[in-house]
Protein backbone atom coordinates (compact mmCIF):
# COMPACT_ATOMS: atom_id res chain seq x y z
CA UNK A 1 16.24 4.57 1.60
CA UNK A 2 13.22 4.22 3.46
CA UNK A 3 10.32 1.93 3.59
CA UNK A 4 6.80 3.67 3.60
CA UNK A 5 3.74 1.66 3.99
CA UNK A 6 0.35 3.15 2.69
CA UNK A 7 -2.85 1.34 3.37
CA UNK A 8 -6.71 2.03 3.30
CA UNK A 9 -7.81 1.12 6.78
CA UNK A 10 -11.15 1.12 9.00
CA UNK A 11 -11.31 2.46 12.59
CA UNK A 12 -10.72 -1.12 13.88
CA UNK A 13 -7.55 -1.73 11.83
CA UNK A 14 -9.03 -3.97 8.98
CA UNK A 15 -7.35 -3.53 5.68
CA UNK A 16 -8.71 -6.40 3.60
CA UNK A 17 -10.83 -5.82 0.63
CA UNK A 18 -11.17 -2.12 0.57
CA UNK A 19 -12.34 -1.99 -3.03
CA UNK A 20 -14.56 -5.15 -2.89
CA UNK A 21 -12.24 -7.08 -5.60
CA UNK A 22 -11.74 -9.61 -3.03
CA UNK A 23 -15.44 -10.50 -3.06
CA UNK A 24 -15.76 -10.51 0.78
CA UNK A 25 -19.10 -9.82 2.40
CA UNK A 26 -17.66 -6.44 3.90
CA UNK A 27 -15.58 -5.62 0.79
CA UNK A 28 -15.64 -2.19 -0.83
CA UNK A 29 -15.83 -0.30 2.57
CA UNK A 30 -13.29 2.54 1.27
CA UNK A 31 -15.37 3.24 -1.92
CA UNK A 32 -18.79 3.71 -0.01
CA UNK A 33 -17.52 7.08 1.05
CA UNK A 34 -17.40 8.42 -2.62
CA UNK A 35 -14.58 8.63 -5.25
CA UNK A 36 -13.14 12.10 -3.96
CA UNK A 37 -12.09 10.12 -0.68
CA UNK A 38 -9.81 7.88 -2.74
CA UNK A 39 -8.94 9.61 -5.92
CA UNK A 40 -5.59 11.21 -6.69
CA UNK A 41 -2.38 11.38 -4.35
CA UNK A 42 -4.52 10.95 -1.17
CA UNK A 43 -1.26 9.43 0.51
CA UNK A 44 0.85 12.66 -0.34
CA UNK A 45 3.56 10.49 -2.11
CA UNK A 46 4.81 13.40 -4.24
CA UNK A 47 8.50 12.84 -4.71
CA UNK A 48 8.55 9.41 -3.41
CA UNK A 49 6.68 8.41 -6.76
CA UNK A 50 9.07 10.51 -8.95
CA UNK A 51 12.39 9.10 -7.29
CA UNK A 52 11.35 5.92 -5.28
CA UNK A 53 9.94 2.42 -6.25
CA UNK A 54 6.59 0.76 -5.71
CA UNK A 55 6.92 -2.71 -3.93
CA UNK A 56 3.70 -4.85 -4.46
CA UNK A 57 2.65 -8.26 -3.94
CA UNK A 58 1.29 -10.50 -6.58
CA UNK A 59 -2.49 -9.77 -5.85
CA UNK A 60 -2.04 -6.10 -5.55
CA UNK A 61 0.01 -6.10 -8.72
CA UNK A 62 -2.43 -7.95 -10.49
CA UNK A 63 -5.20 -5.68 -9.50
CA UNK A 64 -3.44 -2.46 -10.26
CA UNK A 65 -2.07 -3.91 -13.57
CA UNK A 66 -5.68 -4.14 -14.74
CA UNK A 67 -6.57 -0.75 -13.32
CA UNK A 68 -3.75 1.88 -13.85
CA UNK A 69 -2.50 1.39 -17.50
CA UNK A 70 -5.91 2.20 -18.82
CA UNK A 71 -6.35 5.71 -17.06
CA UNK A 72 -4.75 8.90 -18.37
CA UNK A 73 -5.11 11.36 -15.61
CA UNK A 74 -1.98 12.96 -13.97
CA UNK A 75 -1.80 10.55 -11.08
CA UNK A 76 -2.23 7.45 -13.23
CA UNK A 77 0.60 8.92 -15.27
CA UNK A 78 2.90 9.02 -12.31
CA UNK A 79 1.70 5.40 -11.29
CA UNK A 80 2.43 3.88 -14.38
CA UNK A 81 5.75 5.67 -14.91
CA UNK A 82 7.13 4.70 -11.46
CA UNK A 83 9.31 1.55 -11.10
CA UNK A 84 7.50 -1.35 -9.68
CA UNK A 85 8.92 -4.53 -7.99
CA UNK A 86 6.78 -7.40 -7.64
CA UNK A 87 7.04 -9.94 -4.83
CA UNK A 88 5.88 -13.25 -6.39
CA UNK A 89 6.47 -16.96 -6.47
CA UNK A 90 4.16 -17.51 -9.31
CA UNK A 91 4.06 -14.89 -11.99
CA UNK A 92 6.92 -15.04 -14.65
CA UNK A 93 5.75 -12.20 -16.86
CA UNK A 94 4.82 -8.64 -15.47
CA UNK A 95 5.23 -6.94 -18.97
CA UNK A 96 1.52 -6.02 -18.91
CA UNK A 97 2.22 -2.91 -16.73
CA UNK A 98 5.13 -0.71 -17.79
CA UNK A 99 8.18 -0.38 -15.60
CA UNK A 100 7.30 -3.71 -13.48
CA UNK A 101 9.80 -6.41 -12.68
CA UNK A 102 9.89 -9.49 -10.50
CA UNK A 103 11.92 -9.32 -7.20
CA UNK A 104 14.92 -11.40 -7.70
CA UNK A 105 15.31 -13.84 -4.70
CA UNK A 106 14.61 -13.06 -1.16
CA UNK A 107 12.32 -10.21 -0.53
CA UNK A 108 13.94 -8.85 2.69
CA UNK A 109 17.34 -9.02 0.92
CA UNK A 110 15.94 -7.03 -2.06
CA UNK A 111 14.50 -4.36 0.22
CA UNK A 112 17.83 -4.25 2.20
CA UNK A 113 19.75 -3.80 -0.96
CA UNK A 114 17.33 -1.26 -2.67
CA UNK A 115 19.01 2.40 -2.99
CA UNK A 116 15.63 4.27 -3.67
CA UNK A 117 12.63 4.72 -1.32
CA UNK A 118 10.11 1.94 -1.23
CA UNK A 119 6.47 2.48 -1.19
CA UNK A 120 4.35 -0.52 -0.31
CA UNK A 121 0.88 -0.28 -0.97
CA UNK A 122 -1.76 -3.03 0.03
CA UNK A 123 0.24 -6.23 -0.30
CA UNK A 124 -0.37 -7.09 3.49
CA UNK A 125 1.71 -10.24 3.17
CA UNK A 126 4.65 -8.10 2.10
CA UNK A 127 3.89 -5.36 4.76
CA UNK A 128 3.66 -8.18 7.42
CA UNK A 129 7.17 -9.84 6.36
CA UNK A 130 8.67 -6.39 6.46
CA UNK A 131 7.28 -5.43 9.76
CA UNK A 132 8.55 -8.78 11.22
CA UNK A 133 12.12 -7.68 10.03
CA UNK A 134 11.58 -4.21 11.36
CA UNK A 135 12.12 -2.62 7.97
CA UNK A 136 9.07 -0.21 7.87
CA UNK A 137 9.97 3.48 8.64
CA UNK A 138 6.82 5.23 7.88
CA UNK A 139 3.24 4.39 7.63
CA UNK A 140 0.43 6.49 5.88
CA UNK A 141 -2.83 5.44 6.72
CA UNK A 142 -6.10 6.50 5.30
CA UNK A 143 -8.59 5.64 8.01
CA UNK A 144 -12.36 5.29 7.11
CA UNK A 145 -15.16 5.96 9.51
CA UNK A 146 -16.27 2.30 9.20
CA UNK A 147 -16.08 -0.72 11.75
CA UNK A 148 -16.07 -4.14 10.22
CA UNK A 149 -14.83 -6.10 13.33
CA UNK A 150 -13.72 -9.03 10.85
CA UNK A 151 -11.00 -9.24 8.20
CA UNK A 152 -7.21 -9.05 7.83
CA UNK A 153 -5.62 -6.41 10.24
CA UNK A 154 -2.52 -4.16 9.48
CA UNK A 155 -1.30 -5.09 12.78
CA UNK A 156 -2.51 -8.70 13.72
CA UNK A 157 -3.19 -9.97 17.30
CA UNK A 158 -0.14 -11.69 18.91
CA UNK A 159 2.44 -9.48 17.18
CA UNK A 160 5.11 -7.34 18.96
CA UNK A 161 4.21 -3.77 20.14
CA UNK A 162 4.76 -1.09 17.55
CA UNK A 163 5.66 2.27 19.19
CA UNK A 164 5.04 4.96 16.60
CA UNK A 165 5.07 8.92 16.51
CA UNK A 166 2.30 10.67 14.55
CA UNK A 167 3.83 13.18 12.13
CA UNK A 168 0.67 14.62 10.78
CA UNK A 169 -3.28 14.00 10.52
CA UNK A 170 -5.61 15.63 8.25
CA UNK A 171 -9.12 14.99 7.03
CA UNK A 172 -9.26 13.72 3.40
CA UNK A 173 -13.08 13.58 2.36
CA UNK A 174 -14.78 11.29 4.67
CA UNK A 175 -11.43 9.63 5.77
CA UNK A 176 -8.34 10.80 7.94
CA UNK A 177 -4.92 10.67 6.46
CA UNK A 178 -2.31 10.25 9.36
CA UNK A 179 1.53 9.71 8.87
CA UNK A 180 3.41 7.67 11.53
CA UNK A 181 7.00 7.14 12.07
CA UNK A 182 8.82 4.47 14.31
CA UNK A 183 9.07 6.22 17.72
């Protein structure tokens, strides 16, 4: 089992509000580069989607649950079919998006007990919790040529150093997809 974090990110490490749904003044920065930059399986998830599980925080799950079930392209079919774990303290019903279930008990314990590969998308509070427990094995970052200077960061100031090894980097539309593993 491995934990793979996927994120849209700016050059200065901001990951908050890439689609503008959060209503921040700088939100929507990822989608300013055109739909081809964000459409489809940009993170090269492949078999991870077929055999793994998505782990989402409540906010990301609610956003995705309003988006993916209404789509019918091949990537949407995979997103709708993958099992989804929802880390939430407030939701009690996640039946609106097929194959979703609420994480039972402690998030870290659930991740440690999971036998499938775990994909965490968005869900910054979940990511920060897993990073703090040294549970992230790989980062797949789609970095956009945008500098915001303000917003929530994937790696916030004051945290411990992260030593990573670059596995690959390639242009993906206006962005760059890079894969990193723990060194």
